[in-house]
Protein backbone atom coordinates (compact mmCIF):
# COMPACT_ATOMS: atom_id res chain seq x y z
CA UNK A 1 0.05 0.00 -0.01
CA UNK A 2 1.53 3.46 -1.11
CA UNK A 3 0.92 7.14 -1.24
CA UNK A 4 -2.79 8.21 -2.72
CA UNK A 5 -4.78 11.19 -3.04
CA UNK A 6 -8.46 11.16 -3.56
CA UNK A 7 -8.71 13.66 -6.72
CA UNK A 8 -12.43 14.01 -6.32
CA UNK A 9 -14.81 13.69 -3.21
CA UNK A 10 -17.99 15.45 -1.72
CA UNK A 11 -16.42 15.26 1.80
CA UNK A 12 -19.38 17.73 2.42
CA UNK A 13 -22.06 15.50 1.72
CA UNK A 14 -21.17 12.73 4.11
CA UNK A 15 -22.87 13.36 7.62
CA UNK A 16 -20.54 14.30 10.48
CA UNK A 17 -19.81 10.48 12.03
CA UNK A 18 -18.74 9.46 8.50
CA UNK A 19 -16.32 12.41 8.26
CA UNK A 20 -14.93 12.01 11.29
CA UNK A 21 -14.12 8.24 10.39
CA UNK A 22 -12.63 9.23 7.08
CA UNK A 23 -10.52 11.85 8.50
CA UNK A 24 -9.43 9.21 11.30
CA UNK A 25 -8.29 6.62 8.84
CA UNK A 26 -6.63 8.64 6.04
CA UNK A 27 -2.88 8.05 7.88
CA UNK A 28 -3.50 4.21 7.97
CA UNK A 29 -4.91 4.04 4.35
CA UNK A 30 -1.69 6.24 3.15
CA UNK A 31 -3.90 8.75 1.82
CA UNK A 32 -2.50 12.54 2.15
CA UNK A 33 -5.11 14.57 0.69
CA UNK A 34 -8.87 14.90 -0.42
CA UNK A 35 -9.63 17.42 -3.11
CA UNK A 36 -13.15 18.08 -1.94
CA UNK A 37 -15.30 19.80 -4.92
CA UNK A 38 -18.47 21.94 -3.95
CA UNK A 39 -22.04 21.73 -4.56
CA UNK A 40 -23.14 25.33 -4.53
CA UNK A 41 -22.46 28.47 -2.18
CA UNK A 42 -23.37 26.29 1.35
CA UNK A 43 -21.23 23.63 0.43
CA UNK A 44 -18.23 25.80 -0.83
CA UNK A 45 -18.48 27.03 2.72
CA UNK A 46 -18.85 23.82 4.53
CA UNK A 47 -15.78 22.86 2.40
CA UNK A 48 -13.84 26.10 3.43
CA UNK A 49 -14.53 24.92 7.09
CA UNK A 50 -13.56 21.23 6.64
CA UNK A 51 -10.33 22.37 5.17
CA UNK A 52 -9.49 24.66 8.29
CA UNK A 53 -10.41 21.79 10.65
CA UNK A 54 -8.54 19.14 8.44
CA UNK A 55 -5.32 20.29 6.81
CA UNK A 56 -5.62 17.17 4.19
CA UNK A 57 -8.66 18.50 2.76
CA UNK A 58 -7.93 20.97 -0.31
CA UNK A 59 -11.50 22.57 -1.40
CA UNK A 60 -12.75 23.44 -4.82
CA UNK A 61 -15.19 25.66 -5.03
CA UNK A 62 -18.07 26.16 -7.78
CA UNK A 63 -21.57 24.83 -8.51
CA UNK A 64 -22.48 21.29 -9.83
CA UNK A 65 -24.56 21.24 -12.96
CA UNK A 66 -26.82 18.40 -12.27
CA UNK A 67 -29.60 20.51 -10.78
CA UNK A 68 -31.74 23.74 -11.06
CA UNK A 69 -29.87 26.73 -12.19
CA UNK A 70 -29.42 29.31 -9.36
CA UNK A 71 -30.89 32.48 -9.60
CA UNK A 72 -29.14 35.82 -10.82
CA UNK A 73 -28.56 37.28 -7.25
CA UNK A 74 -27.24 33.72 -6.13
CA UNK A 75 -24.78 33.74 -9.05
CA UNK A 76 -23.70 36.72 -7.77
CA UNK A 77 -23.16 35.90 -4.31
CA UNK A 78 -21.54 32.82 -5.17
CA UNK A 79 -18.72 34.61 -7.49
CA UNK A 80 -18.20 37.19 -4.85
CA UNK A 81 -17.75 34.46 -2.17
CA UNK A 82 -15.14 32.66 -4.55
CA UNK A 83 -13.27 35.93 -5.12
CA UNK A 84 -12.86 36.70 -1.68
CA UNK A 85 -11.86 33.06 -0.72
CA UNK A 86 -9.97 32.34 -3.79
CA UNK A 87 -6.66 31.79 -1.97
CA UNK A 88 -8.42 29.07 0.15
CA UNK A 89 -9.13 27.09 -3.01
CA UNK A 90 -7.25 24.38 -5.11
CA UNK A 91 -9.62 24.75 -8.28
CA UNK A 92 -12.93 26.02 -9.70
CA UNK A 93 -15.36 22.88 -9.31
CA UNK A 94 -17.22 21.21 -9.70
CA UNK A 95 -18.68 22.84 -12.51
CA UNK A 96 -19.80 21.57 -16.09
CA UNK A 97 -22.88 20.82 -18.06
CA UNK A 98 -26.13 18.65 -16.79
CA UNK A 99 -26.22 15.42 -19.05
CA UNK A 100 -27.97 13.15 -16.61
CA UNK A 101 -30.54 15.80 -15.69
CA UNK A 102 -31.22 16.59 -19.34
CA UNK A 103 -31.78 12.93 -19.64
CA UNK A 104 -34.39 12.95 -17.40
CA UNK A 105 -35.97 16.17 -18.88
CA UNK A 106 -35.34 16.89 -22.14
CA UNK A 107 -37.26 20.06 -22.09
CA UNK A 108 -34.36 21.85 -19.86
CA UNK A 109 -32.13 24.13 -21.97
CA UNK A 110 -28.60 23.67 -22.19
CA UNK A 111 -27.87 27.26 -23.44
CA UNK A 112 -28.02 28.99 -19.79
CA UNK A 113 -25.63 26.19 -18.15
CA UNK A 114 -23.42 26.67 -20.87
CA UNK A 115 -23.25 30.62 -20.30
CA UNK A 116 -23.06 29.81 -16.57
CA UNK A 117 -20.01 27.18 -17.29
CA UNK A 118 -17.98 30.13 -19.28
CA UNK A 119 -18.34 32.19 -16.33
CA UNK A 120 -16.76 29.93 -14.18
CA UNK A 121 -13.88 29.35 -16.78
CA UNK A 122 -13.55 33.00 -16.96
CA UNK A 123 -12.82 33.29 -13.36
CA UNK A 124 -10.51 30.17 -13.49
CA UNK A 125 -8.39 31.87 -16.29
CA UNK A 126 -8.61 35.28 -14.54
CA UNK A 127 -7.20 33.92 -11.11
CA UNK A 128 -5.04 30.81 -12.75
CA UNK A 129 -7.01 28.03 -11.07
CA UNK A 130 -7.40 24.35 -12.47
CA UNK A 131 -11.11 23.42 -13.15
CA UNK A 132 -12.64 20.43 -12.13
CA UNK A 133 -15.37 19.25 -14.83
CA UNK A 134 -18.39 17.36 -14.91
CA UNK A 135 -18.68 16.91 -18.80
CA UNK A 136 -19.83 13.53 -20.22
CA UNK A 137 -20.91 11.94 -23.57
CA UNK A 138 -22.36 14.94 -25.63
CA UNK A 139 -21.55 17.46 -23.39
CA UNK A 140 -17.63 17.12 -23.34
CA UNK A 141 -16.92 18.26 -26.54
CA UNK A 142 -18.94 21.49 -25.87
CA UNK A 143 -16.82 21.87 -22.81
CA UNK A 144 -13.54 21.17 -25.04
CA UNK A 145 -14.85 24.01 -27.19
CA UNK A 146 -15.26 26.39 -24.09
CA UNK A 147 -11.87 25.30 -22.75
CA UNK A 148 -9.93 26.12 -26.01
CA UNK A 149 -12.20 29.09 -26.52
CA UNK A 150 -10.15 30.41 -23.20
CA UNK A 151 -6.97 28.68 -23.54
CA UNK A 152 -7.25 26.60 -20.50
CA UNK A 153 -5.10 23.52 -20.37
CA UNK A 154 -5.25 22.74 -16.47
CA UNK A 155 -8.57 21.04 -16.86
CA UNK A 156 -9.91 17.82 -14.99
CA UNK A 157 -12.71 15.59 -16.39
CA UNK A 158 -13.83 13.64 -13.51
CA UNK A 159 -15.56 10.09 -13.95
CA UNK A 160 -15.23 10.83 -17.62
CA UNK A 161 -17.48 8.68 -20.17
CA UNK A 162 -17.17 9.76 -24.05
CA UNK A 163 -16.49 8.71 -27.50
CA UNK A 164 -12.83 8.20 -29.00
CA UNK A 165 -12.96 11.16 -30.92
CA UNK A 166 -13.41 13.41 -27.84
CA UNK A 167 -10.69 11.18 -25.75
CA UNK A 168 -8.32 11.83 -28.35
CA UNK A 169 -8.78 15.43 -28.26
CA UNK A 170 -8.84 15.55 -24.61
CA UNK A 171 -5.52 13.83 -24.78
CA UNK A 172 -3.88 16.11 -27.30
CA UNK A 173 -4.96 19.21 -25.32
CA UNK A 174 -3.06 17.85 -22.15
CA UNK A 175 -6.59 17.39 -20.02
CA UNK A 176 -6.51 14.95 -17.20
CA UNK A 177 -9.05 12.32 -16.21
CA UNK A 178 -9.72 10.47 -12.92
CA UNK A 179 -10.84 6.87 -12.46
CA UNK A 180 -13.25 5.82 -9.91
CA UNK A 181 -13.90 2.44 -8.36
CA UNK A 182 -15.89 1.31 -10.82
CA UNK A 183 -13.18 0.57 -13.04
CA UNK A 184 -13.19 -2.94 -11.22
CA UNK A 185 -16.16 -3.69 -13.17
CA UNK A 186 -17.23 -1.23 -15.79
CA UNK A 187 -15.83 -2.57 -19.39
CA UNK A 188 -16.20 1.18 -20.26
CA UNK A 189 -13.93 2.56 -17.83
CA UNK A 190 -11.63 -0.16 -18.21
CA UNK A 191 -11.22 0.83 -21.94
CA UNK A 192 -10.70 4.28 -21.30
CA UNK A 193 -7.73 3.33 -18.90
CA UNK A 194 -6.28 1.48 -21.85
CA UNK A 195 -6.58 4.31 -24.08
CA UNK A 196 -5.83 7.17 -21.71
CA UNK A 197 -2.19 7.87 -20.69
CA UNK A 198 -1.06 7.30 -17.49
CA UNK A 199 0.76 10.56 -17.17
CA UNK A 200 -2.58 12.33 -17.57
CA UNK A 201 -4.64 10.31 -15.11
CA UNK A 202 -5.50 10.47 -11.47
CA UNK A 203 -8.05 8.33 -8.98
CA UNK A 204 -10.73 9.36 -7.32
CA UNK A 205 -14.08 8.16 -5.19
CA UNK A 206 -16.70 10.88 -5.98
CA UNK A 207 -17.71 9.63 -2.61
CA UNK A 208 -20.26 9.51 -1.03
CA UNK A 209 -21.83 7.94 -4.49
CA UNK A 210 -21.80 4.40 -3.77
CA UNK A 211 -20.31 1.69 -6.12
CA UNK A 212 -21.23 -1.89 -6.79
CA UNK A 213 -19.72 -5.32 -7.33
CA UNK A 214 -17.22 -5.84 -4.26
CA UNK A 215 -18.55 -2.30 -3.01
CA UNK A 216 -21.78 -2.93 -3.02
CA UNK A 217 -23.41 -2.05 0.37
CA UNK A 218 -20.43 -0.30 1.70
CA UNK A 219 -19.63 3.45 2.15
CA UNK A 220 -17.56 5.06 -0.24
CA UNK A 221 -14.07 5.47 1.55
CA UNK A 222 -10.76 6.54 -0.21
CA UNK A 223 -9.42 3.50 0.96
CA UNK A 224 -11.28 1.76 -2.34
CA UNK A 225 -8.92 3.67 -4.34
CA UNK A 226 -6.14 0.94 -3.89
CA UNK A 227 -8.37 -1.57 -5.59
CA UNK A 228 -8.57 1.17 -8.44
CA UNK A 229 -4.71 1.53 -8.50
CA UNK A 230 -4.05 -2.24 -8.66
CA UNK A 231 -6.92 -2.45 -11.61
CA UNK A 232 -5.14 0.45 -13.80
CA UNK A 233 -1.62 -1.17 -13.07
CA UNK A 234 -3.27 -4.18 -14.33
CA UNK A 235 -4.82 -2.87 -17.38
CA UNK A 236 -1.82 -0.62 -18.25
CA UNK A 237 0.35 -3.70 -17.68
CA UNK A 238 2.85 -2.10 -15.59
CA UNK A 239 4.54 -2.28 -12.43
CA UNK A 240 2.37 -1.30 -9.41
CA UNK A 241 4.59 0.64 -7.59
CA UNK A 242 5.18 2.75 -10.65
CA UNK A 243 1.26 3.56 -11.28
CA UNK A 244 0.97 4.06 -7.56
CA UNK A 245 3.89 7.05 -7.82
CA UNK A 246 2.82 8.03 -11.43
CA UNK A 247 -0.98 8.59 -10.04
CA UNK A 248 -0.04 10.47 -6.90
CA UNK A 249 2.51 12.78 -8.42
CA UNK A 250 0.15 13.68 -11.17
CA UNK A 251 -2.22 14.89 -8.30
CA UNK A 252 -0.11 16.48 -6.40
CA UNK A 253 1.38 18.41 -9.38
CA UNK A 254 -1.88 19.38 -11.14
CA UNK A 255 -3.37 20.47 -7.88
CA UNK A 256 -0.22 22.43 -6.40
CA UNK A 257 -0.57 20.58 -3.14
C-alpha cells in the first residue's frame, strides 16, 4: 500500500460521523489529501470549514451542474464569495453541464448552463486556477470548445465517459481524467484506462456516491482507491509501484498541493 490522493470527493455530503471516520483513517490508508469539490455556495462554505479543520482537505469551489440553475443574485453571491476566498481554493469545481438532468427532462435548455460554465472558466482563467469538470458523452465536446476558447489547459474531467474522438482531443490538449472504483467492473471505464495516458490520469471516489461489485452496500471510502490503482496497473501492464507513484505525483502537481 503506497501513497494516494482522492482527486474528487464530496466530503461535505457525508454526515459528521462518516467525516470523522474518514479523516481518522486517512493516515492508515496512506491517503495524504482529499480534493473536496463543492455543489453550491453552502457547500463551498462547508468545504472551506472542513479545510480549516483538517489540513488534508483541499477544497474546490463551484456549482454542480446536475441541478436547477441558481438565481441571478445567487450567482453573484457565489462568485463574490469565491473571489474573496480564492486563496483558500485549489480549483474551480465542480462545474460543467447537466447531461443526466437533461436525460431525465429533455425540456431543460442547455444554453443557460453553458453561459454559467463560461463564467466559471473566465473566473478560473483570471485567477489561474485548475478546473474540475463534470462533462460526459455529448456534453464533453462542448466543454472542450469552451476550454479551447479560453485557452485553459489545466482541466480535470472527473469520472469521464465519452467517444474516442473526444478522448483523443482531450489527450492532445493535455487534459486530465480521474478513475473511480467502478474500473473494477465497468468495461467502458476499463477501456478508457487502456486508452488514456497514465501521465494524464488521477484516481477518485466521487464519494459519497456508492459503487457496485465488491463495494455493494459499503460506504464509499478513499481506501477503495487502492483497488482502483491495482486494476489500473493490471490494465496498463505496468509495475504497481510505478502506477502508484505516477498517479500520486500527477495529482499533487496538478493541484499544486
